[in-house]
Amino acid sequence: MCPERPSAEIDARQPASARPRWRAALGWAVHFYTATGLLLAAFATVGIVLGGVEQLRVALLLLFAATFVDATDGALARAVDVRRALPWFDGRRLDDIVDFHTYTSIPLLLLWRSDVLDPAHAPSLLVALLASAYGFAQVEAKTSDGYFRGFPSYWNVVALYLHFLRPASGFALAVILVLSLLTFVPSRYLYPSQPGLLNRVTIVLGAVWAAVLLAVLLGVPDDSRPWLIGSLAFPVYYLLASWIISIREARRVRVAEGP
């Protein structure tokens, strides 16, 4: 017996006239929404090239908006069922293209432009760039049980904190190198859009955290430094929760395999 073909493949064999036009229109609308992240990234790049405190703040604000698009387009894609609407167009590939720019290449460019690192430490940004390329290219970048595998290239978050907090260049270098190394370590990291109580808690905490960062980017608090330092509680929670899950999973596998 031949295995059943996925619905997207079946739809692809149908003539275009057999598919509802409204469904295709909705599919293209969702893909365009995803692509707006690339437009936001382009405008952010212009701000980074121009330089200056205000331009870099606007660039970070645009990257924040691009992250919001990335956080919401998946739900829209599932609601419209874009694979069935446009089976010949790969929305995941488009999403990966946008994400690599908004989460990696442009944030790393911003770190270089903002002089967070001493010139001697700046080449570490290339290490992060290559590590992220490896992370994106993994076949199992997302595990079958709903986690990211390896550090999930949140360089936009790293860039925001390093840009505003301005730690010593040596400390910033250590952060960049350690996170780059963690890209190659096959540990699990929370994937909040997946099912599960912990993911739902993470979404709620993440929404509060994002609101604080947005206020900082908009210049609402007069002194943003205490707000930023306090907001580090969420990234610390995210990393610790992910590492605890990874340790428990490793122990479970060892027990299952036996002596």
C-alpha atoms as a PDB file:
ATOM      1  CA  MET A   1       0.000   0.000   0.000  1.00  0.00           C
ATOM      2  CA  CYS A   2       1.382   3.411  -0.915  1.00  0.00           C
ATOM      3  CA  PRO A   3       1.616   5.981   1.894  1.00  0.00           C
ATOM      4  CA  GLU A   4      -0.960   8.732   1.827  1.00  0.00           C
ATOM      5  CA  ARG A   5       0.337  11.948   0.282  1.00  0.00           C
ATOM      6  CA  PRO A   6       0.244  15.131   2.381  1.00  0.00           C
ATOM      7  CA  SER A   7      -2.718  17.381   1.655  1.00  0.00           C
ATOM      8  CA  ALA A   8      -0.418  20.139   0.338  1.00  0.00           C
ATOM      9  CA  GLU A   9       0.958  17.735  -2.289  1.00  0.00           C
ATOM     10  CA  ILE A  10      -2.546  16.670  -3.274  1.00  0.00           C
ATOM     11  CA  ASP A  11      -3.599  20.301  -3.645  1.00  0.00           C
ATOM     12  CA  ALA A  12      -0.509  21.047  -5.748  1.00  0.00           C
ATOM     13  CA  ARG A  13      -1.700  18.459  -8.291  1.00  0.00           C
ATOM     14  CA  GLN A  14      -5.037  20.197  -8.634  1.00  0.00           C
ATOM     15  CA  PRO A  15      -5.444  22.872 -11.294  1.00  0.00           C
ATOM     16  CA  ALA A  16      -5.396  26.436  -9.969  1.00  0.00           C
ATOM     17  CA  SER A  17      -9.031  26.880 -11.029  1.00  0.00           C
ATOM     18  CA  ALA A  18     -10.035  24.087  -8.615  1.00  0.00           C
ATOM     19  CA  ARG A  19      -8.739  26.014  -5.584  1.00  0.00           C
ATOM     20  CA  PRO A  20     -10.793  28.805  -3.994  1.00  0.00           C
ATOM     21  CA  ARG A  21      -9.323  32.178  -4.959  1.00  0.00           C
ATOM     22  CA  TRP A  22     -10.164  33.639  -1.567  1.00  0.00           C
ATOM     23  CA  ARG A  23      -7.994  31.012   0.118  1.00  0.00           C
ATOM     24  CA  ALA A  24      -5.055  31.826  -2.156  1.00  0.00           C
ATOM     25  CA  ALA A  25      -5.540  35.545  -1.507  1.00  0.00           C
ATOM     26  CA  LEU A  26      -5.462  34.960   2.238  1.00  0.00           C
ATOM     27  CA  GLY A  27      -2.360  32.824   1.838  1.00  0.00           C
ATOM     28  CA  TRP A  28      -0.536  35.580  -0.045  1.00  0.00           C
ATOM     29  CA  ALA A  29      -1.656  38.105   2.577  1.00  0.00           C
ATOM     30  CA  VAL A  30      -0.083  36.004   5.338  1.00  0.00           C
ATOM     31  CA  HIS A  31       3.145  35.553   3.374  1.00  0.00           C
ATOM     32  CA  PHE A  32       3.291  39.297   2.725  1.00  0.00           C
ATOM     33  CA  TYR A  33       2.838  39.877   6.444  1.00  0.00           C
ATOM     34  CA  THR A  34       5.840  37.614   7.065  1.00  0.00           C
ATOM     35  CA  ALA A  35       7.816  39.491   4.401  1.00  0.00           C
ATOM     36  CA  THR A  36       7.182  42.826   6.138  1.00  0.00           C
ATOM     37  CA  GLY A  37       9.786  41.653   8.626  1.00  0.00           C
ATOM     38  CA  LEU A  38      12.313  41.881   5.801  1.00  0.00           C
ATOM     39  CA  LEU A  39      11.169  45.419   4.981  1.00  0.00           C
ATOM     40  CA  LEU A  40      11.544  46.416   8.630  1.00  0.00           C
ATOM     41  CA  ALA A  41      15.011  44.863   8.579  1.00  0.00           C
ATOM     42  CA  ALA A  42      15.949  46.929   5.511  1.00  0.00           C
ATOM     43  CA  PHE A  43      14.907  50.181   7.192  1.00  0.00           C
ATOM     44  CA  ALA A  44      16.765  49.152  10.343  1.00  0.00           C
ATOM     45  CA  THR A  45      19.892  48.592   8.268  1.00  0.00           C
ATOM     46  CA  VAL A  46      19.622  52.105   6.854  1.00  0.00           C
ATOM     47  CA  GLY A  47      19.503  53.490  10.403  1.00  0.00           C
ATOM     48  CA  ILE A  48      22.520  51.418  11.422  1.00  0.00           C
ATOM     49  CA  VAL A  49      24.534  52.628   8.429  1.00  0.00           C
ATOM     50  CA  LEU A  50      23.642  56.249   9.192  1.00  0.00           C
ATOM     51  CA  GLY A  51      24.703  55.744  12.809  1.00  0.00           C
ATOM     52  CA  GLY A  52      24.076  57.999  15.762  1.00  0.00           C
ATOM     53  CA  VAL A  53      22.293  57.372  19.052  1.00  0.00           C
ATOM     54  CA  GLU A  54      18.816  58.159  17.761  1.00  0.00           C
ATOM     55  CA  GLN A  55      19.195  56.195  14.521  1.00  0.00           C
ATOM     56  CA  LEU A  56      20.417  53.109  16.384  1.00  0.00           C
ATOM     57  CA  ARG A  57      17.499  53.361  18.812  1.00  0.00           C
ATOM     58  CA  VAL A  58      15.087  53.518  15.869  1.00  0.00           C
ATOM     59  CA  ALA A  59      16.856  50.524  14.307  1.00  0.00           C
ATOM     60  CA  LEU A  60      16.318  48.520  17.499  1.00  0.00           C
ATOM     61  CA  LEU A  61      12.673  49.600  17.539  1.00  0.00           C
ATOM     62  CA  LEU A  62      12.263  48.342  13.960  1.00  0.00           C
ATOM     63  CA  LEU A  63      13.880  45.025  14.897  1.00  0.00           C
ATOM     64  CA  PHE A  64      11.442  44.837  17.825  1.00  0.00           C
ATOM     65  CA  ALA A  65       8.564  45.281  15.357  1.00  0.00           C
ATOM     66  CA  ALA A  66      10.048  42.563  13.128  1.00  0.00           C
ATOM     67  CA  THR A  67      10.152  40.220  16.127  1.00  0.00           C
ATOM     68  CA  PHE A  68       6.460  40.927  16.771  1.00  0.00           C
ATOM     69  CA  VAL A  69       5.707  39.959  13.167  1.00  0.00           C
ATOM     70  CA  ASP A  70       7.646  36.727  13.606  1.00  0.00           C
ATOM     71  CA  ALA A  71       5.822  35.955  16.845  1.00  0.00           C
ATOM     72  CA  THR A  72       2.386  36.345  15.253  1.00  0.00           C
ATOM     73  CA  ASP A  73       2.660  35.182  11.641  1.00  0.00           C
ATOM     74  CA  GLY A  74       2.709  31.496  12.577  1.00  0.00           C
ATOM     75  CA  ALA A  75      -0.740  31.684  14.167  1.00  0.00           C
ATOM     76  CA  LEU A  76      -2.075  33.437  11.066  1.00  0.00           C
ATOM     77  CA  ALA A  77      -0.477  30.847   8.793  1.00  0.00           C
ATOM     78  CA  ARG A  78      -2.111  28.015  10.721  1.00  0.00           C
ATOM     79  CA  ALA A  79      -5.487  29.779  10.748  1.00  0.00           C
ATOM     80  CA  VAL A  80      -5.403  30.249   6.964  1.00  0.00           C
ATOM     81  CA  ASP A  81      -3.700  26.880   6.351  1.00  0.00           C
ATOM     82  CA  VAL A  82      -1.202  28.419   3.952  1.00  0.00           C
ATOM     83  CA  ARG A  83       0.223  25.044   2.913  1.00  0.00           C
ATOM     84  CA  ARG A  84      -3.138  24.109   1.442  1.00  0.00           C
ATOM     85  CA  ALA A  85      -3.790  27.599   0.065  1.00  0.00           C
ATOM     86  CA  LEU A  86      -0.417  27.917  -1.716  1.00  0.00           C
ATOM     87  CA  PRO A  87       1.188  24.474  -1.766  1.00  0.00           C
ATOM     88  CA  TRP A  88       3.880  25.545  -4.273  1.00  0.00           C
ATOM     89  CA  PHE A  89       5.199  28.365  -2.051  1.00  0.00           C
ATOM     90  CA  ASP A  90       7.393  27.564   0.973  1.00  0.00           C
ATOM     91  CA  GLY A  91       6.461  29.949   3.767  1.00  0.00           C
ATOM     92  CA  ARG A  92       8.949  28.331   6.148  1.00  0.00           C
ATOM     93  CA  ARG A  93      11.817  29.161   3.813  1.00  0.00           C
ATOM     94  CA  LEU A  94      10.642  32.763   3.600  1.00  0.00           C
ATOM     95  CA  ASP A  95      10.385  32.859   7.384  1.00  0.00           C
ATOM     96  CA  ASP A  96      13.952  31.535   7.760  1.00  0.00           C
ATOM     97  CA  ILE A  97      15.287  34.177   5.359  1.00  0.00           C
ATOM     98  CA  VAL A  98      13.588  36.951   7.321  1.00  0.00           C
ATOM     99  CA  ASP A  99      14.615  35.510  10.692  1.00  0.00           C
ATOM    100  CA  PHE A 100      18.288  35.202   9.788  1.00  0.00           C
ATOM    101  CA  HIS A 101      18.382  38.909   9.012  1.00  0.00           C
ATOM    102  CA  THR A 102      16.258  40.156  11.904  1.00  0.00           C
ATOM    103  CA  TYR A 103      17.688  37.836  14.569  1.00  0.00           C
ATOM    104  CA  THR A 104      21.308  37.592  13.429  1.00  0.00           C
ATOM    105  CA  SER A 105      22.946  39.584  10.650  1.00  0.00           C
ATOM    106  CA  ILE A 106      21.419  43.006  11.350  1.00  0.00           C
ATOM    107  CA  PRO A 107      21.690  42.838  15.170  1.00  0.00           C
ATOM    108  CA  LEU A 108      25.349  41.843  14.820  1.00  0.00           C
ATOM    109  CA  LEU A 109      25.886  44.736  12.401  1.00  0.00           C
ATOM    110  CA  LEU A 110      24.306  47.036  14.986  1.00  0.00           C
ATOM    111  CA  LEU A 111      26.693  45.764  17.657  1.00  0.00           C
ATOM    112  CA  TRP A 112      29.625  46.554  15.380  1.00  0.00           C
ATOM    113  CA  ARG A 113      28.289  50.013  14.499  1.00  0.00           C
ATOM    114  CA  SER A 114      27.504  50.969  18.093  1.00  0.00           C
ATOM    115  CA  ASP A 115      31.127  50.344  19.206  1.00  0.00           C
ATOM    116  CA  VAL A 116      30.096  48.033  22.033  1.00  0.00           C
ATOM    117  CA  LEU A 117      33.248  46.014  21.335  1.00  0.00           C
ATOM    118  CA  ASP A 118      36.809  47.222  21.149  1.00  0.00           C
ATOM    119  CA  PRO A 119      38.251  46.889  17.615  1.00  0.00           C
ATOM    120  CA  ALA A 120      40.344  43.918  18.722  1.00  0.00           C
ATOM    121  CA  HIS A 121      37.190  42.107  19.917  1.00  0.00           C
ATOM    122  CA  ALA A 122      34.988  42.952  16.915  1.00  0.00           C
ATOM    123  CA  PRO A 123      35.905  39.786  14.922  1.00  0.00           C
ATOM    124  CA  SER A 124      33.919  37.789  17.508  1.00  0.00           C
ATOM    125  CA  LEU A 125      30.825  39.018  15.683  1.00  0.00           C
ATOM    126  CA  LEU A 126      31.865  36.893  12.708  1.00  0.00           C
ATOM    127  CA  VAL A 127      32.015  33.866  15.015  1.00  0.00           C
ATOM    128  CA  ALA A 128      28.439  34.573  16.068  1.00  0.00           C
ATOM    129  CA  LEU A 129      27.397  35.024  12.436  1.00  0.00           C
ATOM    130  CA  LEU A 130      28.811  31.649  11.371  1.00  0.00           C
ATOM    131  CA  ALA A 131      27.466  29.894  14.468  1.00  0.00           C
ATOM    132  CA  SER A 132      24.002  31.223  13.730  1.00  0.00           C
ATOM    133  CA  ALA A 133      24.241  30.060  10.112  1.00  0.00           C
ATOM    134  CA  TYR A 134      25.004  26.574  11.436  1.00  0.00           C
ATOM    135  CA  GLY A 135      22.039  26.776  13.805  1.00  0.00           C
ATOM    136  CA  PHE A 136      19.610  27.831  11.072  1.00  0.00           C
ATOM    137  CA  ALA A 137      20.873  25.144   8.680  1.00  0.00           C
ATOM    138  CA  GLN A 138      20.404  22.187  11.028  1.00  0.00           C
ATOM    139  CA  VAL A 139      17.825  19.712   9.812  1.00  0.00           C
ATOM    140  CA  GLU A 140      16.644  19.330  13.409  1.00  0.00           C
ATOM    141  CA  ALA A 141      16.922  22.984  14.445  1.00  0.00           C
ATOM    142  CA  LYS A 142      13.552  22.340  16.082  1.00  0.00           C
ATOM    143  CA  THR A 143      13.146  19.041  17.901  1.00  0.00           C
ATOM    144  CA  SER A 144      10.252  16.678  17.346  1.00  0.00           C
ATOM    145  CA  ASP A 145       9.051  17.269  20.916  1.00  0.00           C
ATOM    146  CA  GLY A 146       8.739  21.036  20.485  1.00  0.00           C
ATOM    147  CA  TYR A 147      12.008  22.717  21.443  1.00  0.00           C
ATOM    148  CA  PHE A 148      14.765  24.666  19.732  1.00  0.00           C
ATOM    149  CA  ARG A 149      18.019  22.726  19.471  1.00  0.00           C
ATOM    150  CA  GLY A 150      21.015  24.805  20.540  1.00  0.00           C
ATOM    151  CA  PHE A 151      21.012  28.512  21.346  1.00  0.00           C
ATOM    152  CA  PRO A 152      18.278  29.896  19.057  1.00  0.00           C
ATOM    153  CA  SER A 153      20.187  32.937  17.717  1.00  0.00           C
ATOM    154  CA  TYR A 154      18.498  35.615  19.812  1.00  0.00           C
ATOM    155  CA  TRP A 155      21.169  38.115  18.790  1.00  0.00           C
ATOM    156  CA  ASN A 156      18.580  40.889  18.559  1.00  0.00           C
ATOM    157  CA  VAL A 157      18.026  40.560  22.321  1.00  0.00           C
ATOM    158  CA  VAL A 158      21.771  40.412  22.958  1.00  0.00           C
ATOM    159  CA  ALA A 159      22.312  43.514  20.820  1.00  0.00           C
ATOM    160  CA  LEU A 160      19.647  45.476  22.672  1.00  0.00           C
ATOM    161  CA  TYR A 161      21.074  44.767  26.121  1.00  0.00           C
ATOM    162  CA  LEU A 162      24.714  45.267  25.158  1.00  0.00           C
ATOM    163  CA  HIS A 163      23.901  48.487  23.300  1.00  0.00           C
ATOM    164  CA  PHE A 164      22.021  50.098  26.187  1.00  0.00           C
ATOM    165  CA  LEU A 165      23.922  48.689  29.183  1.00  0.00           C
ATOM    166  CA  ARG A 166      27.392  49.183  27.683  1.00  0.00           C
ATOM    167  CA  PRO A 167      29.360  46.610  29.701  1.00  0.00           C
ATOM    168  CA  ALA A 168      33.135  46.328  29.424  1.00  0.00           C
ATOM    169  CA  SER A 169      34.236  45.102  26.003  1.00  0.00           C
ATOM    170  CA  GLY A 170      35.769  41.962  27.537  1.00  0.00           C
ATOM    171  CA  PHE A 171      32.445  41.039  29.163  1.00  0.00           C
ATOM    172  CA  ALA A 172      30.553  41.638  25.916  1.00  0.00           C
ATOM    173  CA  LEU A 173      33.115  39.482  24.099  1.00  0.00           C
ATOM    174  CA  ALA A 174      32.588  36.655  26.603  1.00  0.00           C
ATOM    175  CA  VAL A 175      28.795  36.819  26.183  1.00  0.00           C
ATOM    176  CA  ILE A 176      29.088  36.640  22.390  1.00  0.00           C
ATOM    177  CA  LEU A 177      31.554  33.735  22.400  1.00  0.00           C
ATOM    178  CA  VAL A 178      29.680  31.697  25.025  1.00  0.00           C
ATOM    179  CA  LEU A 179      26.339  32.064  23.230  1.00  0.00           C
ATOM    180  CA  SER A 180      28.019  31.220  19.913  1.00  0.00           C
ATOM    181  CA  LEU A 181      29.411  28.047  21.480  1.00  0.00           C
ATOM    182  CA  LEU A 182      25.992  27.134  22.885  1.00  0.00           C
ATOM    183  CA  THR A 183      24.639  27.106  19.325  1.00  0.00           C
ATOM    184  CA  PHE A 184      26.617  23.889  18.778  1.00  0.00           C
ATOM    185  CA  VAL A 185      25.540  22.257  22.062  1.00  0.00           C
ATOM    186  CA  PRO A 186      22.430  20.132  21.318  1.00  0.00           C
ATOM    187  CA  SER A 187      20.513  21.253  24.393  1.00  0.00           C
ATOM    188  CA  ARG A 188      16.817  22.117  24.308  1.00  0.00           C
ATOM    189  CA  TYR A 189      15.472  25.682  24.477  1.00  0.00           C
ATOM    190  CA  LEU A 190      11.869  26.643  25.098  1.00  0.00           C
ATOM    191  CA  TYR A 191       9.753  27.224  22.005  1.00  0.00           C
ATOM    192  CA  PRO A 192       6.913  29.296  23.493  1.00  0.00           C
ATOM    193  CA  SER A 193       4.478  28.931  20.578  1.00  0.00           C
ATOM    194  CA  GLN A 194       4.366  25.161  21.191  1.00  0.00           C
ATOM    195  CA  PRO A 195       1.760  23.557  23.525  1.00  0.00           C
ATOM    196  CA  GLY A 196       2.421  23.041  27.216  1.00  0.00           C
ATOM    197  CA  LEU A 197       1.927  24.790  30.561  1.00  0.00           C
ATOM    198  CA  LEU A 198       5.521  26.014  30.771  1.00  0.00           C
ATOM    199  CA  ASN A 199       5.267  27.528  27.310  1.00  0.00           C
ATOM    200  CA  ARG A 200       2.038  29.307  28.251  1.00  0.00           C
ATOM    201  CA  VAL A 201       3.710  30.723  31.365  1.00  0.00           C
ATOM    202  CA  THR A 202       6.660  31.792  29.234  1.00  0.00           C
ATOM    203  CA  ILE A 203       4.356  33.618  26.817  1.00  0.00           C
ATOM    204  CA  VAL A 204       2.765  35.590  29.673  1.00  0.00           C
ATOM    205  CA  LEU A 205       6.124  36.476  31.212  1.00  0.00           C
ATOM    206  CA  GLY A 206       7.502  37.260  27.771  1.00  0.00           C
ATOM    207  CA  ALA A 207       4.651  39.671  27.065  1.00  0.00           C
ATOM    208  CA  VAL A 208       5.437  41.632  30.242  1.00  0.00           C
ATOM    209  CA  TRP A 209       9.137  41.592  29.386  1.00  0.00           C
ATOM    210  CA  ALA A 210       8.450  42.808  25.841  1.00  0.00           C
ATOM    211  CA  ALA A 211       6.312  45.654  27.193  1.00  0.00           C
ATOM    212  CA  VAL A 212       9.216  46.809  29.370  1.00  0.00           C
ATOM    213  CA  LEU A 213      11.639  46.696  26.436  1.00  0.00           C
ATOM    214  CA  LEU A 214       9.196  48.600  24.237  1.00  0.00           C
ATOM    215  CA  ALA A 215       8.891  51.303  26.907  1.00  0.00           C
ATOM    216  CA  VAL A 216      12.681  51.592  26.998  1.00  0.00           C
ATOM    217  CA  LEU A 217      12.917  51.834  23.215  1.00  0.00           C
ATOM    218  CA  LEU A 218      10.235  54.517  23.170  1.00  0.00           C
ATOM    219  CA  GLY A 219      12.123  56.468  25.818  1.00  0.00           C
ATOM    220  CA  VAL A 220       9.300  56.313  28.377  1.00  0.00           C
ATOM    221  CA  PRO A 221      11.422  55.899  31.559  1.00  0.00           C
ATOM    222  CA  ASP A 222      13.795  58.788  32.219  1.00  0.00           C
ATOM    223  CA  ASP A 223      16.483  56.367  33.383  1.00  0.00           C
ATOM    224  CA  SER A 224      16.177  53.131  31.419  1.00  0.00           C
ATOM    225  CA  ARG A 225      19.115  51.345  33.026  1.00  0.00           C
ATOM    226  CA  PRO A 226      17.264  50.048  36.139  1.00  0.00           C
ATOM    227  CA  TRP A 227      14.391  48.874  33.931  1.00  0.00           C
ATOM    228  CA  LEU A 228      16.769  47.016  31.632  1.00  0.00           C
ATOM    229  CA  ILE A 229      18.665  45.387  34.477  1.00  0.00           C
ATOM    230  CA  GLY A 230      15.391  44.303  36.076  1.00  0.00           C
ATOM    231  CA  SER A 231      14.104  42.956  32.764  1.00  0.00           C
ATOM    232  CA  LEU A 232      17.104  40.610  32.572  1.00  0.00           C
ATOM    233  CA  ALA A 233      15.124  38.368  34.917  1.00  0.00           C
ATOM    234  CA  PHE A 234      13.179  37.012  31.940  1.00  0.00           C
ATOM    235  CA  PRO A 235      16.193  35.989  29.783  1.00  0.00           C
ATOM    236  CA  VAL A 236      17.730  34.387  32.891  1.00  0.00           C
ATOM    237  CA  TYR A 237      14.480  32.499  33.536  1.00  0.00           C
ATOM    238  CA  TYR A 238      14.347  31.393  29.889  1.00  0.00           C
ATOM    239  CA  LEU A 239      17.914  30.072  29.900  1.00  0.00           C
ATOM    240  CA  LEU A 240      17.659  28.341  33.290  1.00  0.00           C
ATOM    241  CA  ALA A 241      14.326  26.695  32.451  1.00  0.00           C
ATOM    242  CA  SER A 242      15.730  25.489  29.119  1.00  0.00           C
ATOM    243  CA  TRP A 243      18.918  24.110  30.667  1.00  0.00           C
ATOM    244  CA  ILE A 244      16.996  22.322  33.444  1.00  0.00           C
ATOM    245  CA  ILE A 245      14.788  20.671  30.821  1.00  0.00           C
ATOM    246  CA  SER A 246      17.896  19.645  28.855  1.00  0.00           C
ATOM    247  CA  ILE A 247      19.545  18.126  31.940  1.00  0.00           C
ATOM    248  CA  ARG A 248      16.392  16.195  32.828  1.00  0.00           C
ATOM    249  CA  GLU A 249      16.075  14.899  29.278  1.00  0.00           C
ATOM    250  CA  ALA A 250      19.721  13.792  29.240  1.00  0.00           C
ATOM    251  CA  ARG A 251      19.198  11.915  32.518  1.00  0.00           C
ATOM    252  CA  ARG A 252      16.036  10.290  31.175  1.00  0.00           C
ATOM    253  CA  VAL A 253      17.874   9.077  28.080  1.00  0.00           C
ATOM    254  CA  ARG A 254      20.720   7.647  30.177  1.00  0.00           C
ATOM    255  CA  VAL A 255      18.268   5.783  32.395  1.00  0.00           C
ATOM    256  CA  ALA A 256      16.379   4.450  29.366  1.00  0.00           C
ATOM    257  CA  GLU A 257      19.583   3.218  27.728  1.00  0.00           C
ATOM    258  CA  GLY A 258      20.653   1.525  30.930  1.00  0.00           C
ATOM    259  CA  PRO A 259      24.179   0.761  32.154  1.00  0.00           C
END
